[in-house]
Amino acid sequence: MSNDENVKLPRVAKGPRPMMFEDEANDILLSMNVSLLNELIVTRQRLDAVERLLDKNGVLKQSEVNAFSPDEEAADQRETLREDISNRVFYLLLQQAERAENAVPEEAPGDDI
């Protein structure tokens, strides 16, 4: 792996975010729903391809898929995938919370009174 492949660029866009609704919360909800929709579409397309290939090649029955229970490594990988998807879906809320956290000092004047 070259050094160029290890470079991580910031994912935060500069400037104001375009808004479709008057309330920013609605824009955030719309973005989350579109993100979920994209994840679902990609997942369904890949699942469809796998099921068709397995059926075509006589490799796997649907009952075997339904009875599958992941081992510890697979469960860990699924958890990582879940976290990655959640971070993409809740990206705007996480970014907003981070901005709010950075804007408010941990100790406000008068806290020690």
C-alpha atoms as a PDB file:
ATOM      1  CA  MET A   1       0.000   0.000   0.000  1.00  0.00           C
ATOM      2  CA  SER A   2       1.494   3.355  -0.971  1.00  0.00           C
ATOM      3  CA  ASN A   3       1.468   6.423   1.265  1.00  0.00           C
ATOM      4  CA  ASP A   4      -1.161   8.003  -1.013  1.00  0.00           C
ATOM      5  CA  GLU A   5      -3.671   5.287  -0.067  1.00  0.00           C
ATOM      6  CA  ASN A   6      -3.268   6.057   3.650  1.00  0.00           C
ATOM      7  CA  VAL A   7      -4.278   9.714   3.311  1.00  0.00           C
ATOM      8  CA  LYS A   8      -7.666  10.495   4.843  1.00  0.00           C
ATOM      9  CA  LEU A   9      -9.348  13.654   3.689  1.00  0.00           C
ATOM     10  CA  PRO A  10     -11.869  15.468   5.893  1.00  0.00           C
ATOM     11  CA  ARG A  11     -15.478  14.682   4.979  1.00  0.00           C
ATOM     12  CA  VAL A  12     -16.909  17.974   6.173  1.00  0.00           C
ATOM     13  CA  ALA A  13     -17.938  20.360   3.418  1.00  0.00           C
ATOM     14  CA  LYS A  14     -17.148  24.040   3.830  1.00  0.00           C
ATOM     15  CA  GLY A  15     -19.845  26.658   3.621  1.00  0.00           C
ATOM     16  CA  PRO A  16     -23.525  26.501   4.435  1.00  0.00           C
ATOM     17  CA  ARG A  17     -25.477  23.382   3.659  1.00  0.00           C
ATOM     18  CA  PRO A  18     -28.250  23.815   1.079  1.00  0.00           C
ATOM     19  CA  MET A  19     -31.660  23.573   2.718  1.00  0.00           C
ATOM     20  CA  MET A  20     -34.886  22.271   1.171  1.00  0.00           C
ATOM     21  CA  PHE A  21     -37.129  23.022   4.151  1.00  0.00           C
ATOM     22  CA  GLU A  22     -37.409  25.948   6.552  1.00  0.00           C
ATOM     23  CA  ASP A  23     -36.701  23.685   9.522  1.00  0.00           C
ATOM     24  CA  GLU A  24     -33.194  22.171   9.559  1.00  0.00           C
ATOM     25  CA  ALA A  25     -34.541  19.103  11.367  1.00  0.00           C
ATOM     26  CA  ASN A  26     -36.645  18.227   8.312  1.00  0.00           C
ATOM     27  CA  ASP A  27     -33.583  18.478   6.077  1.00  0.00           C
ATOM     28  CA  ILE A  28     -31.685  16.178   8.421  1.00  0.00           C
ATOM     29  CA  LEU A  29     -34.535  13.639   8.457  1.00  0.00           C
ATOM     30  CA  LEU A  30     -34.770  13.741   4.657  1.00  0.00           C
ATOM     31  CA  SER A  31     -31.023  13.169   4.341  1.00  0.00           C
ATOM     32  CA  MET A  32     -31.182  10.252   6.790  1.00  0.00           C
ATOM     33  CA  ASN A  33     -34.053   8.658   4.870  1.00  0.00           C
ATOM     34  CA  VAL A  34     -32.281   9.037   1.521  1.00  0.00           C
ATOM     35  CA  SER A  35     -29.156   7.497   3.055  1.00  0.00           C
ATOM     36  CA  LEU A  36     -31.177   4.556   4.389  1.00  0.00           C
ATOM     37  CA  LEU A  37     -32.883   4.145   1.028  1.00  0.00           C
ATOM     38  CA  ASN A  38     -29.507   3.992  -0.746  1.00  0.00           C
ATOM     39  CA  GLU A  39     -28.226   1.396   1.717  1.00  0.00           C
ATOM     40  CA  LEU A  40     -31.359  -0.714   1.289  1.00  0.00           C
ATOM     41  CA  ILE A  41     -31.282  -0.565  -2.521  1.00  0.00           C
ATOM     42  CA  VAL A  42     -27.639  -1.636  -2.698  1.00  0.00           C
ATOM     43  CA  THR A  43     -28.231  -4.422  -0.183  1.00  0.00           C
ATOM     44  CA  ARG A  44     -31.299  -5.728  -2.019  1.00  0.00           C
ATOM     45  CA  GLN A  45     -29.489  -5.688  -5.378  1.00  0.00           C
ATOM     46  CA  ARG A  46     -26.519  -7.601  -3.978  1.00  0.00           C
ATOM     47  CA  LEU A  47     -28.761 -10.078  -2.156  1.00  0.00           C
ATOM     48  CA  ASP A  48     -30.764 -10.653  -5.331  1.00  0.00           C
ATOM     49  CA  ALA A  49     -27.563 -11.367  -7.263  1.00  0.00           C
ATOM     50  CA  VAL A  50     -26.303 -13.807  -4.610  1.00  0.00           C
ATOM     51  CA  GLU A  51     -29.635 -15.632  -4.380  1.00  0.00           C
ATOM     52  CA  ARG A  52     -29.874 -15.976  -8.164  1.00  0.00           C
ATOM     53  CA  LEU A  53     -26.311 -17.305  -8.438  1.00  0.00           C
ATOM     54  CA  LEU A  54     -26.782 -19.765  -5.581  1.00  0.00           C
ATOM     55  CA  ASP A  55     -30.072 -21.007  -7.010  1.00  0.00           C
ATOM     56  CA  LYS A  56     -28.665 -21.260 -10.540  1.00  0.00           C
ATOM     57  CA  ASN A  57     -25.718 -23.319  -9.320  1.00  0.00           C
ATOM     58  CA  GLY A  58     -27.770 -25.436  -6.881  1.00  0.00           C
ATOM     59  CA  VAL A  59     -25.479 -24.442  -4.026  1.00  0.00           C
ATOM     60  CA  LEU A  60     -27.797 -23.348  -1.231  1.00  0.00           C
ATOM     61  CA  LYS A  61     -31.401 -23.779  -0.146  1.00  0.00           C
ATOM     62  CA  GLN A  62     -33.453 -20.948   1.354  1.00  0.00           C
ATOM     63  CA  SER A  63     -34.004 -22.995   4.526  1.00  0.00           C
ATOM     64  CA  GLU A  64     -30.236 -23.089   5.097  1.00  0.00           C
ATOM     65  CA  VAL A  65     -30.071 -19.307   4.884  1.00  0.00           C
ATOM     66  CA  ASN A  66     -32.950 -18.975   7.360  1.00  0.00           C
ATOM     67  CA  ALA A  67     -31.250 -21.347   9.825  1.00  0.00           C
ATOM     68  CA  PHE A  68     -27.841 -19.609   9.649  1.00  0.00           C
ATOM     69  CA  SER A  69     -26.341 -18.398  12.931  1.00  0.00           C
ATOM     70  CA  PRO A  70     -23.122 -16.344  12.690  1.00  0.00           C
ATOM     71  CA  ASP A  71     -19.992 -17.362  14.571  1.00  0.00           C
ATOM     72  CA  GLU A  72     -18.158 -14.828  16.761  1.00  0.00           C
ATOM     73  CA  GLU A  73     -16.002 -13.457  13.916  1.00  0.00           C
ATOM     74  CA  ALA A  74     -19.014 -13.018  11.632  1.00  0.00           C
ATOM     75  CA  ALA A  75     -20.978 -11.403  14.466  1.00  0.00           C
ATOM     76  CA  ASP A  76     -18.110  -8.941  15.039  1.00  0.00           C
ATOM     77  CA  GLN A  77     -17.986  -8.130  11.322  1.00  0.00           C
ATOM     78  CA  ARG A  78     -21.749  -7.592  11.295  1.00  0.00           C
ATOM     79  CA  GLU A  79     -21.441  -5.230  14.266  1.00  0.00           C
ATOM     80  CA  THR A  80     -18.739  -3.228  12.455  1.00  0.00           C
ATOM     81  CA  LEU A  81     -20.975  -3.045   9.384  1.00  0.00           C
ATOM     82  CA  ARG A  82     -23.900  -1.909  11.532  1.00  0.00           C
ATOM     83  CA  GLU A  83     -21.773   0.844  13.074  1.00  0.00           C
ATOM     84  CA  ASP A  84     -20.527   2.002   9.647  1.00  0.00           C
ATOM     85  CA  ILE A  85     -24.052   2.181   8.254  1.00  0.00           C
ATOM     86  CA  SER A  86     -25.335   3.933  11.378  1.00  0.00           C
ATOM     87  CA  ASN A  87     -22.562   6.515  11.120  1.00  0.00           C
ATOM     88  CA  ARG A  88     -23.516   7.217   7.485  1.00  0.00           C
ATOM     89  CA  VAL A  89     -27.233   7.402   8.252  1.00  0.00           C
ATOM     90  CA  PHE A  90     -26.787   9.639  11.305  1.00  0.00           C
ATOM     91  CA  TYR A  91     -23.888  11.621   9.783  1.00  0.00           C
ATOM     92  CA  LEU A  92     -25.661  14.994   9.877  1.00  0.00           C
ATOM     93  CA  LEU A  93     -26.869  14.552  13.444  1.00  0.00           C
ATOM     94  CA  LEU A  94     -23.402  13.466  14.578  1.00  0.00           C
ATOM     95  CA  GLN A  95     -21.831  16.424  12.779  1.00  0.00           C
ATOM     96  CA  GLN A  96     -24.378  18.805  14.321  1.00  0.00           C
ATOM     97  CA  ALA A  97     -23.765  17.380  17.807  1.00  0.00           C
ATOM     98  CA  GLU A  98     -19.996  17.709  17.330  1.00  0.00           C
ATOM     99  CA  ARG A  99     -20.378  21.357  16.269  1.00  0.00           C
ATOM    100  CA  ALA A 100     -22.574  22.047  19.297  1.00  0.00           C
ATOM    101  CA  GLU A 101     -20.103  20.319  21.607  1.00  0.00           C
ATOM    102  CA  ASN A 102     -17.207  22.379  20.235  1.00  0.00           C
ATOM    103  CA  ALA A 103     -19.180  25.625  20.513  1.00  0.00           C
ATOM    104  CA  VAL A 104     -19.992  25.279  24.226  1.00  0.00           C
ATOM    105  CA  PRO A 105     -17.089  25.308  26.683  1.00  0.00           C
ATOM    106  CA  GLU A 106     -17.063  22.425  29.144  1.00  0.00           C
ATOM    107  CA  GLU A 107     -16.951  24.792  32.097  1.00  0.00           C
ATOM    108  CA  ALA A 108     -19.140  27.825  31.678  1.00  0.00           C
ATOM    109  CA  PRO A 109     -18.468  30.906  33.810  1.00  0.00           C
ATOM    110  CA  GLY A 110     -20.279  30.585  37.125  1.00  0.00           C
ATOM    111  CA  ASP A 111     -20.307  26.777  37.185  1.00  0.00           C
ATOM    112  CA  ASP A 112     -18.234  26.771  40.363  1.00  0.00           C
ATOM    113  CA  ILE A 113     -20.688  28.906  42.326  1.00  0.00           C
END
